[in-house]
Amino acid sequence: MFNKNKKIISLFILTIFFVSCGQNSKDINKKTYKPINLKHKSESFKQGVYDGCKTASQKYKKNSNAFKNDFEYNNGWWEGRRNCEGEDYPY
């Protein structure tokens, strides 16, 4: 009986140990920021990246007119938002 209790307690302690050593869910889901190559990109695209990245950092910024009517700005905004999501504001 004592031996059985000792095994159960040991198993419980090992389980707690392994669970506590696991990765934090934030670490698993966190993306690594990679600078976007803005060389040879239009100023409109660059502004979109800047605004999208700022939005991803909880500071909503979007030029609604450009977003609706300017393909380059729209693409840049989405690129910046996806790239910067969950990261500190790098720009």
PDB file of N, CA and C in Angstrom:
ATOM      1  N   MET A   1       0.835  -1.196   0.000  1.00  0.00           N
ATOM      2  CA  MET A   1       0.000   0.000   0.000  1.00  0.00           C
ATOM      3  C   MET A   1       0.876   1.255   0.000  1.00  0.00           C
ATOM      4  N   PHE A   2       1.877   1.268   0.906  1.00  0.00           N
ATOM      5  CA  PHE A   2       2.761   2.425   0.982  1.00  0.00           C
ATOM      6  C   PHE A   2       3.508   2.625  -0.334  1.00  0.00           C
ATOM      7  N   ASN A   3       3.931   1.526  -0.936  1.00  0.00           N
ATOM      8  CA  ASN A   3       4.669   1.587  -2.190  1.00  0.00           C
ATOM      9  C   ASN A   3       3.792   2.150  -3.315  1.00  0.00           C
ATOM     10  N   LYS A   4       2.509   1.783  -3.321  1.00  0.00           N
ATOM     11  CA  LYS A   4       1.574   2.273  -4.334  1.00  0.00           C
ATOM     12  C   LYS A   4       1.379   3.782  -4.183  1.00  0.00           C
ATOM     13  N   ASN A   5       1.227   4.256  -2.963  1.00  0.00           N
ATOM     14  CA  ASN A   5       1.066   5.698  -2.716  1.00  0.00           C
ATOM     15  C   ASN A   5       2.320   6.472  -3.123  1.00  0.00           C
ATOM     16  N   LYS A   6       3.458   5.887  -2.872  1.00  0.00           N
ATOM     17  CA  LYS A   6       4.723   6.515  -3.225  1.00  0.00           C
ATOM     18  C   LYS A   6       4.825   6.670  -4.748  1.00  0.00           C
ATOM     19  N   LYS A   7       4.393   5.676  -5.496  1.00  0.00           N
ATOM     20  CA  LYS A   7       4.413   5.738  -6.960  1.00  0.00           C
ATOM     21  C   LYS A   7       3.449   6.821  -7.471  1.00  0.00           C
ATOM     22  N   ILE A   8       2.283   6.886  -6.881  1.00  0.00           N
ATOM     23  CA  ILE A   8       1.292   7.876  -7.294  1.00  0.00           C
ATOM     24  C   ILE A   8       1.807   9.283  -7.036  1.00  0.00           C
ATOM     25  N   ILE A   9       2.395   9.504  -5.875  1.00  0.00           N
ATOM     26  CA  ILE A   9       2.935  10.818  -5.535  1.00  0.00           C
ATOM     27  C   ILE A   9       4.095  11.177  -6.462  1.00  0.00           C
ATOM     28  N   SER A  10       4.957  10.212  -6.751  1.00  0.00           N
ATOM     29  CA  SER A  10       6.083  10.453  -7.655  1.00  0.00           C
ATOM     30  C   SER A  10       5.589  10.803  -9.052  1.00  0.00           C
ATOM     31  N   LEU A  11       4.581  10.083  -9.517  1.00  0.00           N
ATOM     32  CA  LEU A  11       4.010  10.352 -10.831  1.00  0.00           C
ATOM     33  C   LEU A  11       3.392  11.756 -10.874  1.00  0.00           C
ATOM     34  N   PHE A  12       2.703  12.129  -9.816  1.00  0.00           N
ATOM     35  CA  PHE A  12       2.089  13.450  -9.726  1.00  0.00           C
ATOM     36  C   PHE A  12       3.151  14.547  -9.777  1.00  0.00           C
ATOM     37  N   ILE A  13       4.222  14.374  -9.030  1.00  0.00           N
ATOM     38  CA  ILE A  13       5.300  15.368  -9.000  1.00  0.00           C
ATOM     39  C   ILE A  13       5.971  15.477 -10.371  1.00  0.00           C
ATOM     40  N   LEU A  14       6.211  14.359 -11.014  1.00  0.00           N
ATOM     41  CA  LEU A  14       6.813  14.384 -12.351  1.00  0.00           C
ATOM     42  C   LEU A  14       5.895  15.077 -13.361  1.00  0.00           C
ATOM     43  N   THR A  15       4.601  14.822 -13.260  1.00  0.00           N
ATOM     44  CA  THR A  15       3.643  15.463 -14.161  1.00  0.00           C
ATOM     45  C   THR A  15       3.675  16.967 -13.983  1.00  0.00           C
ATOM     46  N   ILE A  16       3.648  17.425 -12.750  1.00  0.00           N
ATOM     47  CA  ILE A  16       3.704  18.861 -12.459  1.00  0.00           C
ATOM     48  C   ILE A  16       5.003  19.456 -13.013  1.00  0.00           C
ATOM     49  N   PHE A  17       6.097  18.755 -12.826  1.00  0.00           N
ATOM     50  CA  PHE A  17       7.390  19.231 -13.309  1.00  0.00           C
ATOM     51  C   PHE A  17       7.387  19.408 -14.832  1.00  0.00           C
ATOM     52  N   PHE A  18       6.930  18.402 -15.554  1.00  0.00           N
ATOM     53  CA  PHE A  18       6.929  18.477 -17.016  1.00  0.00           C
ATOM     54  C   PHE A  18       5.947  19.517 -17.548  1.00  0.00           C
ATOM     55  N   VAL A  19       4.818  19.659 -16.908  1.00  0.00           N
ATOM     56  CA  VAL A  19       3.844  20.658 -17.343  1.00  0.00           C
ATOM     57  C   VAL A  19       4.406  22.059 -17.131  1.00  0.00           C
ATOM     58  N   SER A  20       5.079  22.275 -16.040  1.00  0.00           N
ATOM     59  CA  SER A  20       5.622  23.605 -15.748  1.00  0.00           C
ATOM     60  C   SER A  20       6.803  23.949 -16.649  1.00  0.00           C
ATOM     61  N   CYS A  21       7.429  22.976 -17.254  1.00  0.00           N
ATOM     62  CA  CYS A  21       8.566  23.224 -18.134  1.00  0.00           C
ATOM     63  C   CYS A  21       8.141  23.444 -19.577  1.00  0.00           C
ATOM     64  N   GLY A  22       6.869  23.322 -19.864  1.00  0.00           N
ATOM     65  CA  GLY A  22       6.385  23.502 -21.231  1.00  0.00           C
ATOM     66  C   GLY A  22       6.477  24.944 -21.665  1.00  0.00           C
ATOM     67  N   GLN A  23       6.368  25.168 -22.963  1.00  0.00           N
ATOM     68  CA  GLN A  23       6.426  26.521 -23.490  1.00  0.00           C
ATOM     69  C   GLN A  23       5.153  27.276 -23.176  1.00  0.00           C
ATOM     70  N   ASN A  24       5.309  28.545 -23.002  1.00  0.00           N
ATOM     71  CA  ASN A  24       4.174  29.434 -22.825  1.00  0.00           C
ATOM     72  C   ASN A  24       3.439  29.540 -24.159  1.00  0.00           C
ATOM     73  N   SER A  25       2.116  29.539 -24.154  1.00  0.00           N
ATOM     74  CA  SER A  25       1.355  29.599 -25.404  1.00  0.00           C
ATOM     75  C   SER A  25       1.650  30.870 -26.183  1.00  0.00           C
ATOM     76  N   LYS A  26       1.999  31.958 -25.502  1.00  0.00           N
ATOM     77  CA  LYS A  26       2.345  33.193 -26.201  1.00  0.00           C
ATOM     78  C   LYS A  26       3.623  33.004 -27.012  1.00  0.00           C
ATOM     79  N   ASP A  27       4.574  32.245 -26.464  1.00  0.00           N
ATOM     80  CA  ASP A  27       5.819  31.991 -27.177  1.00  0.00           C
ATOM     81  C   ASP A  27       5.585  31.153 -28.423  1.00  0.00           C
ATOM     82  N   ILE A  28       4.658  30.228 -28.348  1.00  0.00           N
ATOM     83  CA  ILE A  28       4.374  29.353 -29.479  1.00  0.00           C
ATOM     84  C   ILE A  28       3.744  30.138 -30.620  1.00  0.00           C
ATOM     85  N   ASN A  29       2.809  31.021 -30.308  1.00  0.00           N
ATOM     86  CA  ASN A  29       2.075  31.755 -31.329  1.00  0.00           C
ATOM     87  C   ASN A  29       2.772  33.023 -31.803  1.00  0.00           C
ATOM     88  N   LYS A  30       3.775  33.455 -31.085  1.00  0.00           N
ATOM     89  CA  LYS A  30       4.424  34.710 -31.423  1.00  0.00           C
ATOM     90  C   LYS A  30       5.237  34.570 -32.705  1.00  0.00           C
ATOM     91  N   LYS A  31       5.003  35.475 -33.622  1.00  0.00           N
ATOM     92  CA  LYS A  31       5.727  35.471 -34.879  1.00  0.00           C
ATOM     93  C   LYS A  31       6.980  36.326 -34.717  1.00  0.00           C
ATOM     94  N   THR A  32       7.973  35.979 -35.453  1.00  0.00           N
ATOM     95  CA  THR A  32       9.184  36.780 -35.438  1.00  0.00           C
ATOM     96  C   THR A  32       9.055  37.886 -36.474  1.00  0.00           C
ATOM     97  N   TYR A  33       9.325  39.104 -36.062  1.00  0.00           N
ATOM     98  CA  TYR A  33       9.269  40.231 -36.978  1.00  0.00           C
ATOM     99  C   TYR A  33      10.426  40.124 -37.965  1.00  0.00           C
ATOM    100  N   LYS A  34      10.115  40.240 -39.222  1.00  0.00           N
ATOM    101  CA  LYS A  34      11.135  40.263 -40.260  1.00  0.00           C
ATOM    102  C   LYS A  34      10.941  41.550 -41.050  1.00  0.00           C
ATOM    103  N   PRO A  35      11.986  42.357 -41.174  1.00  0.00           N
ATOM    104  CA  PRO A  35      11.835  43.607 -41.920  1.00  0.00           C
ATOM    105  C   PRO A  35      11.341  43.340 -43.343  1.00  0.00           C
ATOM    106  N   ILE A  36      10.430  44.151 -43.794  1.00  0.00           N
ATOM    107  CA  ILE A  36       9.909  44.040 -45.153  1.00  0.00           C
ATOM    108  C   ILE A  36      10.859  44.777 -46.080  1.00  0.00           C
ATOM    109  N   ASN A  37      11.208  44.145 -47.173  1.00  0.00           N
ATOM    110  CA  ASN A  37      12.081  44.786 -48.148  1.00  0.00           C
ATOM    111  C   ASN A  37      11.280  45.857 -48.890  1.00  0.00           C
ATOM    112  N   LEU A  38      11.563  47.096 -48.578  1.00  0.00           N
ATOM    113  CA  LEU A  38      10.840  48.213 -49.196  1.00  0.00           C
ATOM    114  C   LEU A  38      11.591  48.811 -50.381  1.00  0.00           C
ATOM    115  N   LYS A  39      12.717  48.213 -50.719  1.00  0.00           N
ATOM    116  CA  LYS A  39      13.498  48.699 -51.857  1.00  0.00           C
ATOM    117  C   LYS A  39      12.670  48.522 -53.129  1.00  0.00           C
ATOM    118  N   HIS A  40      12.645  49.524 -53.932  1.00  0.00           N
ATOM    119  CA  HIS A  40      11.911  49.529 -55.199  1.00  0.00           C
ATOM    120  C   HIS A  40      10.392  49.478 -55.012  1.00  0.00           C
ATOM    121  N   LYS A  41       9.894  49.839 -53.845  1.00  0.00           N
ATOM    122  CA  LYS A  41       8.441  49.888 -53.603  1.00  0.00           C
ATOM    123  C   LYS A  41       7.982  51.336 -53.678  1.00  0.00           C
ATOM    124  N   SER A  42       6.742  51.517 -54.049  1.00  0.00           N
ATOM    125  CA  SER A  42       6.198  52.873 -54.169  1.00  0.00           C
ATOM    126  C   SER A  42       6.043  53.514 -52.793  1.00  0.00           C
ATOM    127  N   GLU A  43       5.985  54.841 -52.784  1.00  0.00           N
ATOM    128  CA  GLU A  43       5.766  55.562 -51.525  1.00  0.00           C
ATOM    129  C   GLU A  43       4.411  55.181 -50.922  1.00  0.00           C
ATOM    130  N   SER A  44       3.459  54.922 -51.771  1.00  0.00           N
ATOM    131  CA  SER A  44       2.127  54.527 -51.314  1.00  0.00           C
ATOM    132  C   SER A  44       2.175  53.184 -50.579  1.00  0.00           C
ATOM    133  N   PHE A  45       2.921  52.235 -51.132  1.00  0.00           N
ATOM    134  CA  PHE A  45       3.089  50.930 -50.492  1.00  0.00           C
ATOM    135  C   PHE A  45       3.792  51.095 -49.144  1.00  0.00           C
ATOM    136  N   LYS A  46       4.858  51.892 -49.129  1.00  0.00           N
ATOM    137  CA  LYS A  46       5.607  52.124 -47.888  1.00  0.00           C
ATOM    138  C   LYS A  46       4.720  52.735 -46.809  1.00  0.00           C
ATOM    139  N   GLN A  47       3.894  53.713 -47.190  1.00  0.00           N
ATOM    140  CA  GLN A  47       2.982  54.331 -46.225  1.00  0.00           C
ATOM    141  C   GLN A  47       1.983  53.302 -45.719  1.00  0.00           C
ATOM    142  N   GLY A  48       1.506  52.435 -46.605  1.00  0.00           N
ATOM    143  CA  GLY A  48       0.589  51.367 -46.201  1.00  0.00           C
ATOM    144  C   GLY A  48       1.225  50.418 -45.197  1.00  0.00           C
ATOM    145  N   VAL A  49       2.473  50.054 -45.438  1.00  0.00           N
ATOM    146  CA  VAL A  49       3.203  49.176 -44.506  1.00  0.00           C
ATOM    147  C   VAL A  49       3.327  49.858 -43.145  1.00  0.00           C
ATOM    148  N   TYR A  50       3.707  51.112 -43.150  1.00  0.00           N
ATOM    149  CA  TYR A  50       3.857  51.877 -41.913  1.00  0.00           C
ATOM    150  C   TYR A  50       2.536  51.914 -41.138  1.00  0.00           C
ATOM    151  N   ASP A  51       1.442  52.242 -41.834  1.00  0.00           N
ATOM    152  CA  ASP A  51       0.139  52.345 -41.178  1.00  0.00           C
ATOM    153  C   ASP A  51      -0.361  50.973 -40.708  1.00  0.00           C
ATOM    154  N   GLY A  52      -0.160  49.943 -41.527  1.00  0.00           N
ATOM    155  CA  GLY A  52      -0.595  48.594 -41.141  1.00  0.00           C
ATOM    156  C   GLY A  52       0.169  48.073 -39.944  1.00  0.00           C
ATOM    157  N   CYS A  53       1.455  48.363 -39.902  1.00  0.00           N
ATOM    158  CA  CYS A  53       2.277  47.935 -38.765  1.00  0.00           C
ATOM    159  C   CYS A  53       1.855  48.675 -37.494  1.00  0.00           C
ATOM    160  N   LYS A  54       1.576  49.937 -37.636  1.00  0.00           N
ATOM    161  CA  LYS A  54       1.126  50.717 -36.482  1.00  0.00           C
ATOM    162  C   LYS A  54      -0.210  50.169 -35.974  1.00  0.00           C
ATOM    163  N   THR A  55      -1.098  49.800 -36.889  1.00  0.00           N
ATOM    164  CA  THR A  55      -2.394  49.223 -36.515  1.00  0.00           C
ATOM    165  C   THR A  55      -2.202  47.904 -35.768  1.00  0.00           C
ATOM    166  N   ALA A  56      -1.277  47.079 -36.237  1.00  0.00           N
ATOM    167  CA  ALA A  56      -1.016  45.799 -35.578  1.00  0.00           C
ATOM    168  C   ALA A  56      -0.501  45.997 -34.160  1.00  0.00           C
ATOM    169  N   SER A  57       0.063  47.162 -33.910  1.00  0.00           N
ATOM    170  CA  SER A  57       0.601  47.473 -32.584  1.00  0.00           C
ATOM    171  C   SER A  57      -0.417  48.207 -31.716  1.00  0.00           C
ATOM    172  N   GLN A  58      -1.706  48.016 -32.010  1.00  0.00           N
ATOM    173  CA  GLN A  58      -2.805  48.567 -31.209  1.00  0.00           C
ATOM    174  C   GLN A  58      -2.959  50.073 -31.331  1.00  0.00           C
ATOM    175  N   LYS A  59      -2.418  50.673 -32.372  1.00  0.00           N
ATOM    176  CA  LYS A  59      -2.576  52.115 -32.606  1.00  0.00           C
ATOM    177  C   LYS A  59      -3.167  52.283 -33.989  1.00  0.00           C
ATOM    178  N   TYR A  60      -4.472  52.048 -34.116  1.00  0.00           N
ATOM    179  CA  TYR A  60      -5.140  51.996 -35.417  1.00  0.00           C
ATOM    180  C   TYR A  60      -4.799  53.193 -36.285  1.00  0.00           C
ATOM    181  N   LYS A  61      -4.332  52.882 -37.473  1.00  0.00           N
ATOM    182  CA  LYS A  61      -4.001  53.935 -38.430  1.00  0.00           C
ATOM    183  C   LYS A  61      -4.261  53.398 -39.829  1.00  0.00           C
ATOM    184  N   LYS A  62      -5.138  54.067 -40.554  1.00  0.00           N
ATOM    185  CA  LYS A  62      -5.430  53.684 -41.938  1.00  0.00           C
ATOM    186  C   LYS A  62      -6.007  54.883 -42.667  1.00  0.00           C
ATOM    187  N   ASN A  63      -5.498  55.136 -43.844  1.00  0.00           N
ATOM    188  CA  ASN A  63      -6.060  56.146 -44.715  1.00  0.00           C
ATOM    189  C   ASN A  63      -7.169  55.448 -45.494  1.00  0.00           C
ATOM    190  N   SER A  64      -8.407  55.628 -45.076  1.00  0.00           N
ATOM    191  CA  SER A  64      -9.540  54.890 -45.646  1.00  0.00           C
ATOM    192  C   SER A  64      -9.688  55.116 -47.141  1.00  0.00           C
ATOM    193  N   ASN A  65      -9.478  56.350 -47.588  1.00  0.00           N
ATOM    194  CA  ASN A  65      -9.603  56.652 -49.018  1.00  0.00           C
ATOM    195  C   ASN A  65      -8.542  55.892 -49.821  1.00  0.00           C
ATOM    196  N   ALA A  66      -7.297  55.939 -49.354  1.00  0.00           N
ATOM    197  CA  ALA A  66      -6.220  55.229 -50.038  1.00  0.00           C
ATOM    198  C   ALA A  66      -6.434  53.713 -49.950  1.00  0.00           C
ATOM    199  N   PHE A  67      -6.921  53.240 -48.816  1.00  0.00           N
ATOM    200  CA  PHE A  67      -7.152  51.804 -48.639  1.00  0.00           C
ATOM    201  C   PHE A  67      -8.164  51.289 -49.663  1.00  0.00           C
ATOM    202  N   LYS A  68      -9.205  52.082 -49.918  1.00  0.00           N
ATOM    203  CA  LYS A  68     -10.253  51.667 -50.868  1.00  0.00           C
ATOM    204  C   LYS A  68      -9.824  51.834 -52.321  1.00  0.00           C
ATOM    205  N   ASN A  69      -9.034  52.869 -52.597  1.00  0.00           N
ATOM    206  CA  ASN A  69      -8.781  53.249 -53.993  1.00  0.00           C
ATOM    207  C   ASN A  69      -7.353  53.029 -54.491  1.00  0.00           C
ATOM    208  N   ASP A  70      -6.426  52.793 -53.600  1.00  0.00           N
ATOM    209  CA  ASP A  70      -5.024  52.665 -54.007  1.00  0.00           C
ATOM    210  C   ASP A  70      -4.545  51.237 -53.729  1.00  0.00           C
ATOM    211  N   PHE A  71      -4.367  50.471 -54.793  1.00  0.00           N
ATOM    212  CA  PHE A  71      -3.968  49.069 -54.691  1.00  0.00           C
ATOM    213  C   PHE A  71      -2.652  48.915 -53.926  1.00  0.00           C
ATOM    214  N   GLU A  72      -1.683  49.770 -54.197  1.00  0.00           N
ATOM    215  CA  GLU A  72      -0.373  49.690 -53.542  1.00  0.00           C
ATOM    216  C   GLU A  72      -0.488  49.940 -52.031  1.00  0.00           C
ATOM    217  N   TYR A  73      -1.223  50.977 -51.660  1.00  0.00           N
ATOM    218  CA  TYR A  73      -1.416  51.279 -50.238  1.00  0.00           C
ATOM    219  C   TYR A  73      -2.110  50.107 -49.540  1.00  0.00           C
ATOM    220  N   ASN A  74      -3.156  49.578 -50.156  1.00  0.00           N
ATOM    221  CA  ASN A  74      -3.920  48.463 -49.585  1.00  0.00           C
ATOM    222  C   ASN A  74      -3.016  47.262 -49.359  1.00  0.00           C
ATOM    223  N   ASN A  75      -2.234  46.897 -50.367  1.00  0.00           N
ATOM    224  CA  ASN A  75      -1.313  45.759 -50.219  1.00  0.00           C
ATOM    225  C   ASN A  75      -0.275  46.021 -49.135  1.00  0.00           C
ATOM    226  N   GLY A  76       0.262  47.229 -49.113  1.00  0.00           N
ATOM    227  CA  GLY A  76       1.241  47.581 -48.093  1.00  0.00           C
ATOM    228  C   GLY A  76       0.651  47.532 -46.692  1.00  0.00           C
ATOM    229  N   TRP A  77      -0.581  48.019 -46.544  1.00  0.00           N
ATOM    230  CA  TRP A  77      -1.232  48.022 -45.235  1.00  0.00           C
ATOM    231  C   TRP A  77      -1.380  46.594 -44.707  1.00  0.00           C
ATOM    232  N   TRP A  78      -1.876  45.704 -45.567  1.00  0.00           N
ATOM    233  CA  TRP A  78      -2.040  44.306 -45.134  1.00  0.00           C
ATOM    234  C   TRP A  78      -0.689  43.643 -44.857  1.00  0.00           C
ATOM    235  N   GLU A  79       0.291  43.922 -45.671  1.00  0.00           N
ATOM    236  CA  GLU A  79       1.630  43.362 -45.472  1.00  0.00           C
ATOM    237  C   GLU A  79       2.204  43.818 -44.131  1.00  0.00           C
ATOM    238  N   GLY A  80       2.082  45.112 -43.850  1.00  0.00           N
ATOM    239  CA  GLY A  80       2.577  45.652 -42.587  1.00  0.00           C
ATOM    240  C   GLY A  80       1.835  45.088 -41.394  1.00  0.00           C
ATOM    241  N   ARG A  81       0.533  44.968 -41.503  1.00  0.00           N
ATOM    242  CA  ARG A  81      -0.257  44.449 -40.387  1.00  0.00           C
ATOM    243  C   ARG A  81       0.096  42.995 -40.095  1.00  0.00           C
ATOM    244  N   ARG A  82       0.145  42.161 -41.121  1.00  0.00           N
ATOM    245  CA  ARG A  82       0.487  40.741 -40.920  1.00  0.00           C
ATOM    246  C   ARG A  82       1.883  40.591 -40.362  1.00  0.00           C
ATOM    247  N   ASN A  83       2.802  41.369 -40.862  1.00  0.00           N
ATOM    248  CA  ASN A  83       4.202  41.229 -40.461  1.00  0.00           C
ATOM    249  C   ASN A  83       4.452  41.698 -39.030  1.00  0.00           C
ATOM    250  N   CYS A  84       3.725  42.691 -38.587  1.00  0.00           N
ATOM    251  CA  CYS A  84       3.988  43.282 -37.276  1.00  0.00           C
ATOM    252  C   CYS A  84       3.040  42.785 -36.184  1.00  0.00           C
ATOM    253  N   GLU A  85       2.073  41.973 -36.528  1.00  0.00           N
ATOM    254  CA  GLU A  85       1.079  41.532 -35.553  1.00  0.00           C
ATOM    255  C   GLU A  85       1.758  40.843 -34.359  1.00  0.00           C
ATOM    256  N   GLY A  86       1.428  41.302 -33.172  1.00  0.00           N
ATOM    257  CA  GLY A  86       1.962  40.713 -31.955  1.00  0.00           C
ATOM    258  C   GLY A  86       3.362  41.172 -31.600  1.00  0.00           C
ATOM    259  N   GLU A  87       3.890  42.101 -32.312  1.00  0.00           N
ATOM    260  CA  GLU A  87       5.238  42.589 -32.048  1.00  0.00           C
ATOM    261  C   GLU A  87       5.209  44.027 -31.566  1.00  0.00           C
ATOM    262  N   ASP A  88       6.288  44.458 -30.963  1.00  0.00           N
ATOM    263  CA  ASP A  88       6.423  45.868 -30.633  1.00  0.00           C
ATOM    264  C   ASP A  88       6.554  46.642 -31.937  1.00  0.00           C
ATOM    265  N   TYR A  89       6.169  47.877 -31.897  1.00  0.00           N
ATOM    266  CA  TYR A  89       6.170  48.731 -33.079  1.00  0.00           C
ATOM    267  C   TYR A  89       7.607  48.967 -33.560  1.00  0.00           C
ATOM    268  N   PRO A  90       8.013  48.367 -34.689  1.00  0.00           N
ATOM    269  CA  PRO A  90       9.401  48.475 -35.108  1.00  0.00           C
ATOM    270  C   PRO A  90       9.721  49.701 -35.940  1.00  0.00           C
ATOM    271  N   TYR A  91       8.731  50.404 -36.453  1.00  0.00           N
ATOM    272  CA  TYR A  91       9.004  51.554 -37.317  1.00  0.00           C
ATOM    273  C   TYR A  91       8.946  52.842 -36.564  1.00  0.00           C
TER     274      TYR A  91
END
